[in-house]
Amino acid sequence: MKLVLASNNKGKLAELQSLFAPLGVELVPQSALGISEAAEPFHTFIENALAKARHAARESGLPAVADDAGLCVDAFGGQPGVQTAYYATRFGYPKSDDNNVRALLEQMQGVADRRAALVSTLVAVRHPDDPEPLVAVGRAPGLITTEPVGDNGFGFDPVMFLPEFGQTFAQLPPDVKNAHSHRGKSSRQMVALMREHWFA
């Protein structure tokens, strides 16, 4: 079975392909089918992921899965949330992972509440008008450090400290990170949901 991934992120494709392997599903990135990225005008992960999945299914004629993810900081009322990828641009920096980290640490100077969570919402649809989309949410809570630590991972991994490990995501080996990350959690949930609803 072919499943369109509503993303052009190579890292995300590789991660999800390995996690979805037990289903015997072939994940095809939407770019391989000439599908443009969908608009993401909403303020919640689930609405944006659903819009992306429906768009990819409509354009491809295949079932589709989409991931919308971001960082939710307690002291900022859950922001940057769905705008995580563009966080740095709010403060005059070009869009990049390093600038996102820089902007976050600057904005959190003097902030005592360092609690935050990385969140991944996966949505899968059998066709564009599927009335019963599958939804899986993974959440990895932690604390924002005062400076980057570690060389692995990407995004906010160097400043996302996990108390149970005493390390940031960027200090963990990839297999340990994937076992405890927001996307690892949502992917395992989604595989279980697909087994139950699509492959039963």
C-alpha atoms as a PDB file:
ATOM      1  CA  MET A   1       0.000   0.000   0.000  1.00  0.00           C
ATOM      2  CA  LYS A   2       1.279   3.442  -0.914  1.00  0.00           C
ATOM      3  CA  LEU A   3       0.743   6.309   1.499  1.00  0.00           C
ATOM      4  CA  VAL A   4       1.532   9.914   0.619  1.00  0.00           C
ATOM      5  CA  LEU A   5       3.482  11.852   3.232  1.00  0.00           C
ATOM      6  CA  ALA A   6       2.329  15.462   3.188  1.00  0.00           C
ATOM      7  CA  SER A   7       5.838  16.777   3.797  1.00  0.00           C
ATOM      8  CA  ASN A   8       9.025  17.475   1.862  1.00  0.00           C
ATOM      9  CA  ASN A   9      11.232  17.056   4.944  1.00  0.00           C
ATOM     10  CA  LYS A  10      13.761  14.272   4.207  1.00  0.00           C
ATOM     11  CA  GLY A  11      14.525  13.688   7.880  1.00  0.00           C
ATOM     12  CA  LYS A  12      10.838  13.313   8.694  1.00  0.00           C
ATOM     13  CA  LEU A  13      10.376  10.916   5.736  1.00  0.00           C
ATOM     14  CA  ALA A  14      13.250   8.664   6.843  1.00  0.00           C
ATOM     15  CA  GLU A  15      12.056   8.658  10.464  1.00  0.00           C
ATOM     16  CA  LEU A  16       8.441   7.864   9.581  1.00  0.00           C
ATOM     17  CA  GLN A  17       9.374   5.278   6.917  1.00  0.00           C
ATOM     18  CA  SER A  18      11.229   3.204   9.491  1.00  0.00           C
ATOM     19  CA  LEU A  19       8.447   3.568  12.062  1.00  0.00           C
ATOM     20  CA  PHE A  20       5.759   2.606   9.516  1.00  0.00           C
ATOM     21  CA  ALA A  21       7.791  -0.335   8.124  1.00  0.00           C
ATOM     22  CA  PRO A  22       5.950  -2.973  10.222  1.00  0.00           C
ATOM     23  CA  LEU A  23       2.767  -2.146   8.290  1.00  0.00           C
ATOM     24  CA  GLY A  24       4.364  -2.882   4.921  1.00  0.00           C
ATOM     25  CA  VAL A  25       3.434   0.641   3.829  1.00  0.00           C
ATOM     26  CA  GLU A  26       5.481   2.592   1.300  1.00  0.00           C
ATOM     27  CA  LEU A  27       5.641   6.276   2.248  1.00  0.00           C
ATOM     28  CA  VAL A  28       5.919   8.547  -0.799  1.00  0.00           C
ATOM     29  CA  PRO A  29       6.804  12.213  -0.233  1.00  0.00           C
ATOM     30  CA  GLN A  30       4.321  14.559  -1.875  1.00  0.00           C
ATOM     31  CA  SER A  31       7.147  16.286  -3.760  1.00  0.00           C
ATOM     32  CA  ALA A  32       7.813  13.019  -5.664  1.00  0.00           C
ATOM     33  CA  LEU A  33       4.283  13.320  -7.044  1.00  0.00           C
ATOM     34  CA  GLY A  34       4.576  17.020  -7.891  1.00  0.00           C
ATOM     35  CA  ILE A  35       2.207  18.045  -5.098  1.00  0.00           C
ATOM     36  CA  SER A  36       2.647  21.534  -3.669  1.00  0.00           C
ATOM     37  CA  GLU A  37       2.578  22.205   0.057  1.00  0.00           C
ATOM     38  CA  ALA A  38      -0.852  22.939   1.516  1.00  0.00           C
ATOM     39  CA  ALA A  39      -1.743  26.218   3.195  1.00  0.00           C
ATOM     40  CA  GLU A  40      -1.545  26.056   7.001  1.00  0.00           C
ATOM     41  CA  PRO A  41      -3.748  28.935   8.177  1.00  0.00           C
ATOM     42  CA  PHE A  42      -4.894  27.395  11.450  1.00  0.00           C
ATOM     43  CA  HIS A  43      -3.810  27.857  15.075  1.00  0.00           C
ATOM     44  CA  THR A  44      -3.802  24.213  16.151  1.00  0.00           C
ATOM     45  CA  PHE A  45      -1.619  21.287  15.126  1.00  0.00           C
ATOM     46  CA  ILE A  46      -4.593  19.052  14.418  1.00  0.00           C
ATOM     47  CA  GLU A  47      -6.285  21.504  12.020  1.00  0.00           C
ATOM     48  CA  ASN A  48      -3.096  22.094  10.053  1.00  0.00           C
ATOM     49  CA  ALA A  49      -2.223  18.377   9.896  1.00  0.00           C
ATOM     50  CA  LEU A  50      -5.741  17.560   8.698  1.00  0.00           C
ATOM     51  CA  ALA A  51      -5.583  20.269   6.014  1.00  0.00           C
ATOM     52  CA  LYS A  52      -2.233  18.916   4.791  1.00  0.00           C
ATOM     53  CA  ALA A  53      -3.423  15.294   4.749  1.00  0.00           C
ATOM     54  CA  ARG A  54      -6.642  16.118   2.863  1.00  0.00           C
ATOM     55  CA  HIS A  55      -4.707  18.227   0.325  1.00  0.00           C
ATOM     56  CA  ALA A  56      -2.183  15.439  -0.356  1.00  0.00           C
ATOM     57  CA  ALA A  57      -4.953  12.825  -0.689  1.00  0.00           C
ATOM     58  CA  ARG A  58      -6.946  15.063  -3.036  1.00  0.00           C
ATOM     59  CA  GLU A  59      -3.974  15.781  -5.293  1.00  0.00           C
ATOM     60  CA  SER A  60      -2.629  12.198  -5.341  1.00  0.00           C
ATOM     61  CA  GLY A  61      -5.737  10.025  -5.201  1.00  0.00           C
ATOM     62  CA  LEU A  62      -3.960   7.996  -2.495  1.00  0.00           C
ATOM     63  CA  PRO A  63      -4.324   7.722   1.280  1.00  0.00           C
ATOM     64  CA  ALA A  64      -2.207  10.360   3.037  1.00  0.00           C
ATOM     65  CA  VAL A  65      -0.576  11.084   6.363  1.00  0.00           C
ATOM     66  CA  ALA A  66       0.557  14.499   7.633  1.00  0.00           C
ATOM     67  CA  ASP A  67       2.521  15.639  10.662  1.00  0.00           C
ATOM     68  CA  ASP A  68       2.270  19.061  12.278  1.00  0.00           C
ATOM     69  CA  ALA A  69       4.657  19.636  15.133  1.00  0.00           C
ATOM     70  CA  GLY A  70       6.158  22.353  17.257  1.00  0.00           C
ATOM     71  CA  LEU A  71       7.331  23.629  20.605  1.00  0.00           C
ATOM     72  CA  CYS A  72       4.836  24.760  23.239  1.00  0.00           C
ATOM     73  CA  VAL A  73       6.344  26.871  26.047  1.00  0.00           C
ATOM     74  CA  ASP A  74       4.271  27.129  29.229  1.00  0.00           C
ATOM     75  CA  ALA A  75       5.481  30.636  30.120  1.00  0.00           C
ATOM     76  CA  PHE A  76       4.401  31.866  26.657  1.00  0.00           C
ATOM     77  CA  GLY A  77       0.897  30.397  26.819  1.00  0.00           C
ATOM     78  CA  GLY A  78       1.846  27.511  24.526  1.00  0.00           C
ATOM     79  CA  GLN A  79       3.636  29.614  21.935  1.00  0.00           C
ATOM     80  CA  PRO A  80       5.313  29.354  19.454  1.00  0.00           C
ATOM     81  CA  GLY A  81       3.118  26.308  18.766  1.00  0.00           C
ATOM     82  CA  VAL A  82       2.148  25.969  15.102  1.00  0.00           C
ATOM     83  CA  GLN A  83       4.450  28.895  14.232  1.00  0.00           C
ATOM     84  CA  THR A  84       7.545  27.134  15.597  1.00  0.00           C
ATOM     85  CA  ALA A  85       9.349  26.877  12.230  1.00  0.00           C
ATOM     86  CA  TYR A  86       9.103  30.661  11.785  1.00  0.00           C
ATOM     87  CA  TYR A  87       9.737  31.648  15.417  1.00  0.00           C
ATOM     88  CA  ALA A  88      13.038  33.452  14.755  1.00  0.00           C
ATOM     89  CA  THR A  89      11.496  35.663  12.056  1.00  0.00           C
ATOM     90  CA  ARG A  90       9.307  37.327  14.702  1.00  0.00           C
ATOM     91  CA  PHE A  91      12.467  38.804  16.190  1.00  0.00           C
ATOM     92  CA  GLY A  92      14.232  39.885  13.010  1.00  0.00           C
ATOM     93  CA  TYR A  93      16.285  36.745  12.398  1.00  0.00           C
ATOM     94  CA  PRO A  94      16.252  34.674   9.175  1.00  0.00           C
ATOM     95  CA  LYS A  95      14.367  31.362   9.386  1.00  0.00           C
ATOM     96  CA  SER A  96      16.661  28.583  10.677  1.00  0.00           C
ATOM     97  CA  ASP A  97      16.924  26.079  13.521  1.00  0.00           C
ATOM     98  CA  ASP A  98      19.912  27.892  15.055  1.00  0.00           C
ATOM     99  CA  ASN A  99      18.125  31.247  14.959  1.00  0.00           C
ATOM    100  CA  ASN A 100      14.999  29.706  16.494  1.00  0.00           C
ATOM    101  CA  VAL A 101      17.116  28.483  19.420  1.00  0.00           C
ATOM    102  CA  ARG A 102      18.827  31.870  19.734  1.00  0.00           C
ATOM    103  CA  ALA A 103      15.518  33.755  19.722  1.00  0.00           C
ATOM    104  CA  LEU A 104      13.971  31.387  22.261  1.00  0.00           C
ATOM    105  CA  LEU A 105      16.877  31.713  24.697  1.00  0.00           C
ATOM    106  CA  GLU A 106      16.801  35.500  24.355  1.00  0.00           C
ATOM    107  CA  GLN A 107      13.057  35.626  25.022  1.00  0.00           C
ATOM    108  CA  MET A 108      13.437  33.335  28.042  1.00  0.00           C
ATOM    109  CA  GLN A 109      16.149  35.356  29.757  1.00  0.00           C
ATOM    110  CA  GLY A 110      15.005  35.918  33.331  1.00  0.00           C
ATOM    111  CA  VAL A 111      12.001  33.568  32.938  1.00  0.00           C
ATOM    112  CA  ALA A 112      11.817  31.188  35.922  1.00  0.00           C
ATOM    113  CA  ASP A 113       9.242  28.778  34.450  1.00  0.00           C
ATOM    114  CA  ARG A 114      11.259  26.730  31.932  1.00  0.00           C
ATOM    115  CA  ARG A 115       8.587  24.062  31.270  1.00  0.00           C
ATOM    116  CA  ALA A 116       7.859  23.236  27.641  1.00  0.00           C
ATOM    117  CA  ALA A 117       6.803  20.343  25.421  1.00  0.00           C
ATOM    118  CA  LEU A 118       7.558  19.241  21.889  1.00  0.00           C
ATOM    119  CA  VAL A 119       4.287  18.136  20.304  1.00  0.00           C
ATOM    120  CA  SER A 120       3.630  16.061  17.172  1.00  0.00           C
ATOM    121  CA  THR A 121       0.157  15.538  15.731  1.00  0.00           C
ATOM    122  CA  LEU A 122      -0.194  12.942  12.963  1.00  0.00           C
ATOM    123  CA  VAL A 123      -3.368  12.738  10.872  1.00  0.00           C
ATOM    124  CA  ALA A 124      -4.100  10.037   8.284  1.00  0.00           C
ATOM    125  CA  VAL A 125      -6.975   9.933   5.787  1.00  0.00           C
ATOM    126  CA  ARG A 126      -8.038   7.206   3.336  1.00  0.00           C
ATOM    127  CA  HIS A 127      -9.323   9.815   0.871  1.00  0.00           C
ATOM    128  CA  PRO A 128      -9.796  13.620   0.867  1.00  0.00           C
ATOM    129  CA  ASP A 129     -13.314  13.485   2.310  1.00  0.00           C
ATOM    130  CA  ASP A 130     -12.637  10.759   4.872  1.00  0.00           C
ATOM    131  CA  PRO A 131     -15.130  11.422   7.714  1.00  0.00           C
ATOM    132  CA  GLU A 132     -13.019   9.404  10.152  1.00  0.00           C
ATOM    133  CA  PRO A 133      -9.429  10.626  10.028  1.00  0.00           C
ATOM    134  CA  LEU A 134      -7.002   8.831  12.295  1.00  0.00           C
ATOM    135  CA  VAL A 135      -5.357  11.169  14.822  1.00  0.00           C
ATOM    136  CA  ALA A 136      -2.302  10.457  16.975  1.00  0.00           C
ATOM    137  CA  VAL A 137      -0.632  12.924  19.327  1.00  0.00           C
ATOM    138  CA  GLY A 138       2.821  12.573  20.853  1.00  0.00           C
ATOM    139  CA  ARG A 139       4.074  14.905  23.572  1.00  0.00           C
ATOM    140  CA  ALA A 140       7.579  15.115  25.004  1.00  0.00           C
ATOM    141  CA  PRO A 141       7.663  17.416  28.049  1.00  0.00           C
ATOM    142  CA  GLY A 142      10.864  18.899  29.391  1.00  0.00           C
ATOM    143  CA  LEU A 143      12.640  22.064  30.453  1.00  0.00           C
ATOM    144  CA  ILE A 144      14.301  24.743  28.313  1.00  0.00           C
ATOM    145  CA  THR A 145      17.999  25.059  29.151  1.00  0.00           C
ATOM    146  CA  THR A 146      19.805  28.396  29.362  1.00  0.00           C
ATOM    147  CA  GLU A 147      22.227  27.438  26.568  1.00  0.00           C
ATOM    148  CA  PRO A 148      22.453  24.736  23.854  1.00  0.00           C
ATOM    149  CA  VAL A 149      23.903  21.378  24.944  1.00  0.00           C
ATOM    150  CA  GLY A 150      24.704  18.415  22.657  1.00  0.00           C
ATOM    151  CA  ASP A 151      25.412  17.849  18.972  1.00  0.00           C
ATOM    152  CA  ASN A 152      22.740  15.358  17.854  1.00  0.00           C
ATOM    153  CA  GLY A 153      19.270  16.019  16.518  1.00  0.00           C
ATOM    154  CA  PHE A 154      17.856  19.209  15.063  1.00  0.00           C
ATOM    155  CA  GLY A 155      15.415  22.009  15.864  1.00  0.00           C
ATOM    156  CA  PHE A 156      15.110  22.673  19.592  1.00  0.00           C
ATOM    157  CA  ASP A 157      16.818  19.391  20.597  1.00  0.00           C
ATOM    158  CA  PRO A 158      19.903  21.183  22.075  1.00  0.00           C
ATOM    159  CA  VAL A 159      17.784  23.213  24.527  1.00  0.00           C
ATOM    160  CA  MET A 160      15.125  20.599  25.369  1.00  0.00           C
ATOM    161  CA  PHE A 161      16.256  19.043  28.669  1.00  0.00           C
ATOM    162  CA  LEU A 162      14.636  15.774  29.752  1.00  0.00           C
ATOM    163  CA  PRO A 163      14.759  15.380  33.552  1.00  0.00           C
ATOM    164  CA  GLU A 164      14.344  11.576  33.396  1.00  0.00           C
ATOM    165  CA  PHE A 165      17.590  11.305  31.391  1.00  0.00           C
ATOM    166  CA  GLY A 166      19.411  14.309  32.843  1.00  0.00           C
ATOM    167  CA  GLN A 167      20.250  15.283  29.245  1.00  0.00           C
ATOM    168  CA  THR A 168      18.912  17.242  26.300  1.00  0.00           C
ATOM    169  CA  PHE A 169      17.484  15.497  23.234  1.00  0.00           C
ATOM    170  CA  ALA A 170      20.680  16.548  21.407  1.00  0.00           C
ATOM    171  CA  GLN A 171      22.783  14.527  23.857  1.00  0.00           C
ATOM    172  CA  LEU A 172      20.816  11.294  23.420  1.00  0.00           C
ATOM    173  CA  PRO A 173      21.670   8.563  20.884  1.00  0.00           C
ATOM    174  CA  PRO A 174      19.190   8.651  17.960  1.00  0.00           C
ATOM    175  CA  ASP A 175      17.480   5.375  18.923  1.00  0.00           C
ATOM    176  CA  VAL A 176      16.869   6.597  22.489  1.00  0.00           C
ATOM    177  CA  LYS A 177      15.663   9.964  21.238  1.00  0.00           C
ATOM    178  CA  ASN A 178      13.234   8.352  18.769  1.00  0.00           C
ATOM    179  CA  ALA A 179      11.867   6.082  21.497  1.00  0.00           C
ATOM    180  CA  HIS A 180      10.962   9.084  23.659  1.00  0.00           C
ATOM    181  CA  SER A 181      10.440  11.930  21.182  1.00  0.00           C
ATOM    182  CA  HIS A 182       7.105  13.521  20.343  1.00  0.00           C
ATOM    183  CA  ARG A 183       7.217  12.132  16.779  1.00  0.00           C
ATOM    184  CA  GLY A 184       8.261   8.669  17.945  1.00  0.00           C
ATOM    185  CA  LYS A 185       5.276   8.579  20.313  1.00  0.00           C
ATOM    186  CA  SER A 186       2.763   9.837  17.727  1.00  0.00           C
ATOM    187  CA  SER A 187       4.094   7.436  15.063  1.00  0.00           C
ATOM    188  CA  ARG A 188       3.715   4.373  17.272  1.00  0.00           C
ATOM    189  CA  GLN A 189       0.159   5.443  18.104  1.00  0.00           C
ATOM    190  CA  MET A 190      -0.612   5.956  14.404  1.00  0.00           C
ATOM    191  CA  VAL A 191       0.742   2.525  13.421  1.00  0.00           C
ATOM    192  CA  ALA A 192      -1.508   0.957  16.081  1.00  0.00           C
ATOM    193  CA  LEU A 193      -4.520   2.947  14.842  1.00  0.00           C
ATOM    194  CA  MET A 194      -3.895   1.959  11.218  1.00  0.00           C
ATOM    195  CA  ARG A 195      -3.588  -1.711  12.200  1.00  0.00           C
ATOM    196  CA  GLU A 196      -6.904  -1.498  14.044  1.00  0.00           C
ATOM    197  CA  HIS A 197      -8.904   0.582  11.551  1.00  0.00           C
ATOM    198  CA  TRP A 198      -7.328   0.118   8.115  1.00  0.00           C
ATOM    199  CA  PHE A 199      -5.693  -3.313   8.153  1.00  0.00           C
ATOM    200  CA  ALA A 200      -7.945  -5.299  10.481  1.00  0.00           C
END
